[in-house]
């Protein structure tokens, strides 16, 4: 019998799978970045169509959010670096 037969049987599917993976990656690169795949440029009229304009076209209204206060209120409780219950031996 041939002793190399068992070693060859395991290697062949791995080589075939690797070859198919390489072929798939190359095929995706050609399809995505081929000479026929050009970037689609938008004119200023098309690019200026905003969410607000789309909402108005659908009959909805867009309301702005409330402005945030410049000075935040002081948070209640201990500061994050300060322990909630100080150690009994601490001055």
C-alpha atoms as a PDB file:
ATOM      1  CA  UNK A   1       0.000   0.000   0.000  1.00  0.00           C
ATOM      2  CA  UNK A   2       0.970   3.598  -0.412  1.00  0.00           C
ATOM      3  CA  UNK A   3       1.893   5.274   2.914  1.00  0.00           C
ATOM      4  CA  UNK A   4       1.589   8.817   1.518  1.00  0.00           C
ATOM      5  CA  UNK A   5      -2.055   8.318   0.603  1.00  0.00           C
ATOM      6  CA  UNK A   6      -3.417   9.379   4.023  1.00  0.00           C
ATOM      7  CA  UNK A   7      -1.297  12.567   4.177  1.00  0.00           C
ATOM      8  CA  UNK A   8      -2.343  13.644   0.707  1.00  0.00           C
ATOM      9  CA  UNK A   9      -6.043  13.234   1.447  1.00  0.00           C
ATOM     10  CA  UNK A  10      -6.079  15.836   4.219  1.00  0.00           C
ATOM     11  CA  UNK A  11      -3.999  18.406   2.377  1.00  0.00           C
ATOM     12  CA  UNK A  12      -6.057  18.480  -0.831  1.00  0.00           C
ATOM     13  CA  UNK A  13      -9.272  19.960   0.651  1.00  0.00           C
ATOM     14  CA  UNK A  14      -7.267  22.622   2.482  1.00  0.00           C
ATOM     15  CA  UNK A  15      -5.491  23.646  -0.724  1.00  0.00           C
ATOM     16  CA  UNK A  16      -8.802  23.751  -2.613  1.00  0.00           C
ATOM     17  CA  UNK A  17     -10.472  25.837   0.126  1.00  0.00           C
ATOM     18  CA  UNK A  18      -7.548  28.253   0.222  1.00  0.00           C
ATOM     19  CA  UNK A  19      -7.632  28.613  -3.570  1.00  0.00           C
ATOM     20  CA  UNK A  20     -11.367  29.332  -3.521  1.00  0.00           C
ATOM     21  CA  UNK A  21     -10.907  31.920  -0.768  1.00  0.00           C
ATOM     22  CA  UNK A  22      -8.187  33.713  -2.742  1.00  0.00           C
ATOM     23  CA  UNK A  23     -10.327  33.614  -5.875  1.00  0.00           C
ATOM     24  CA  UNK A  24     -13.310  35.041  -3.947  1.00  0.00           C
ATOM     25  CA  UNK A  25     -11.303  37.925  -2.508  1.00  0.00           C
ATOM     26  CA  UNK A  26      -9.843  38.785  -5.901  1.00  0.00           C
ATOM     27  CA  UNK A  27     -13.291  38.625  -7.496  1.00  0.00           C
ATOM     28  CA  UNK A  28     -14.692  41.018  -4.874  1.00  0.00           C
ATOM     29  CA  UNK A  29     -11.826  43.447  -5.448  1.00  0.00           C
ATOM     30  CA  UNK A  30     -12.390  43.427  -9.196  1.00  0.00           C
ATOM     31  CA  UNK A  31     -16.147  43.957  -8.840  1.00  0.00           C
ATOM     32  CA  UNK A  32     -15.870  46.715  -6.213  1.00  0.00           C
ATOM     33  CA  UNK A  33     -12.863  48.588  -7.617  1.00  0.00           C
ATOM     34  CA  UNK A  34     -12.917  47.800 -11.308  1.00  0.00           C
ATOM     35  CA  UNK A  35     -12.685  50.402 -14.072  1.00  0.00           C
ATOM     36  CA  UNK A  36     -16.484  50.431 -14.467  1.00  0.00           C
ATOM     37  CA  UNK A  37     -17.058  51.388 -10.822  1.00  0.00           C
ATOM     38  CA  UNK A  38     -16.933  55.184 -10.792  1.00  0.00           C
ATOM     39  CA  UNK A  39     -17.858  57.431  -7.849  1.00  0.00           C
ATOM     40  CA  UNK A  40     -21.295  58.997  -8.207  1.00  0.00           C
ATOM     41  CA  UNK A  41     -21.067  62.764  -7.811  1.00  0.00           C
ATOM     42  CA  UNK A  42     -24.092  64.784  -6.724  1.00  0.00           C
ATOM     43  CA  UNK A  43     -24.814  68.298  -7.866  1.00  0.00           C
ATOM     44  CA  UNK A  44     -25.447  71.033  -5.295  1.00  0.00           C
ATOM     45  CA  UNK A  45     -29.217  70.840  -5.827  1.00  0.00           C
ATOM     46  CA  UNK A  46     -29.337  67.146  -5.009  1.00  0.00           C
ATOM     47  CA  UNK A  47     -26.864  67.310  -2.132  1.00  0.00           C
ATOM     48  CA  UNK A  48     -28.734  70.160  -0.390  1.00  0.00           C
ATOM     49  CA  UNK A  49     -31.833  68.009   0.205  1.00  0.00           C
ATOM     50  CA  UNK A  50     -31.740  67.754   4.004  1.00  0.00           C
ATOM     51  CA  UNK A  51     -33.671  65.847   6.637  1.00  0.00           C
ATOM     52  CA  UNK A  52     -35.785  68.916   7.323  1.00  0.00           C
ATOM     53  CA  UNK A  53     -36.752  69.193   3.682  1.00  0.00           C
ATOM     54  CA  UNK A  54     -37.614  65.509   3.566  1.00  0.00           C
ATOM     55  CA  UNK A  55     -39.749  65.876   6.702  1.00  0.00           C
ATOM     56  CA  UNK A  56     -41.593  68.859   5.253  1.00  0.00           C
ATOM     57  CA  UNK A  57     -42.183  66.961   2.008  1.00  0.00           C
ATOM     58  CA  UNK A  58     -43.756  64.156   4.048  1.00  0.00           C
ATOM     59  CA  UNK A  59     -45.907  66.625   5.993  1.00  0.00           C
ATOM     60  CA  UNK A  60     -44.011  66.442   9.279  1.00  0.00           C
ATOM     61  CA  UNK A  61     -42.511  69.262  11.281  1.00  0.00           C
ATOM     62  CA  UNK A  62     -39.002  69.427  12.656  1.00  0.00           C
ATOM     63  CA  UNK A  63     -38.576  71.099  16.039  1.00  0.00           C
ATOM     64  CA  UNK A  64     -35.149  71.993  17.404  1.00  0.00           C
ATOM     65  CA  UNK A  65     -34.036  70.487  20.691  1.00  0.00           C
ATOM     66  CA  UNK A  66     -33.896  72.608  23.822  1.00  0.00           C
ATOM     67  CA  UNK A  67     -30.637  74.430  24.257  1.00  0.00           C
ATOM     68  CA  UNK A  68     -28.325  73.069  26.937  1.00  0.00           C
ATOM     69  CA  UNK A  69     -27.497  75.295  29.867  1.00  0.00           C
ATOM     70  CA  UNK A  70     -24.017  76.743  29.806  1.00  0.00           C
ATOM     71  CA  UNK A  71     -23.497  76.115  33.523  1.00  0.00           C
ATOM     72  CA  UNK A  72     -24.389  72.632  34.697  1.00  0.00           C
ATOM     73  CA  UNK A  73     -25.898  72.303  38.173  1.00  0.00           C
ATOM     74  CA  UNK A  74     -23.713  70.844  40.898  1.00  0.00           C
ATOM     75  CA  UNK A  75     -24.273  67.115  41.210  1.00  0.00           C
ATOM     76  CA  UNK A  76     -25.581  65.970  44.582  1.00  0.00           C
ATOM     77  CA  UNK A  77     -23.600  63.510  46.631  1.00  0.00           C
ATOM     78  CA  UNK A  78     -19.906  62.828  47.000  1.00  0.00           C
ATOM     79  CA  UNK A  79     -17.411  63.469  44.238  1.00  0.00           C
ATOM     80  CA  UNK A  80     -16.331  60.326  42.357  1.00  0.00           C
ATOM     81  CA  UNK A  81     -12.829  60.435  43.887  1.00  0.00           C
ATOM     82  CA  UNK A  82     -14.223  60.826  47.408  1.00  0.00           C
ATOM     83  CA  UNK A  83     -15.436  57.624  49.112  1.00  0.00           C
ATOM     84  CA  UNK A  84     -19.094  57.561  50.184  1.00  0.00           C
ATOM     85  CA  UNK A  85     -18.216  56.340  53.682  1.00  0.00           C
ATOM     86  CA  UNK A  86     -14.834  57.628  54.857  1.00  0.00           C
ATOM     87  CA  UNK A  87     -12.566  55.291  56.804  1.00  0.00           C
ATOM     88  CA  UNK A  88     -12.860  55.629  60.581  1.00  0.00           C
ATOM     89  CA  UNK A  89      -9.137  56.345  61.019  1.00  0.00           C
ATOM     90  CA  UNK A  90      -9.075  59.195  58.480  1.00  0.00           C
ATOM     91  CA  UNK A  91      -8.734  62.754  59.887  1.00  0.00           C
END
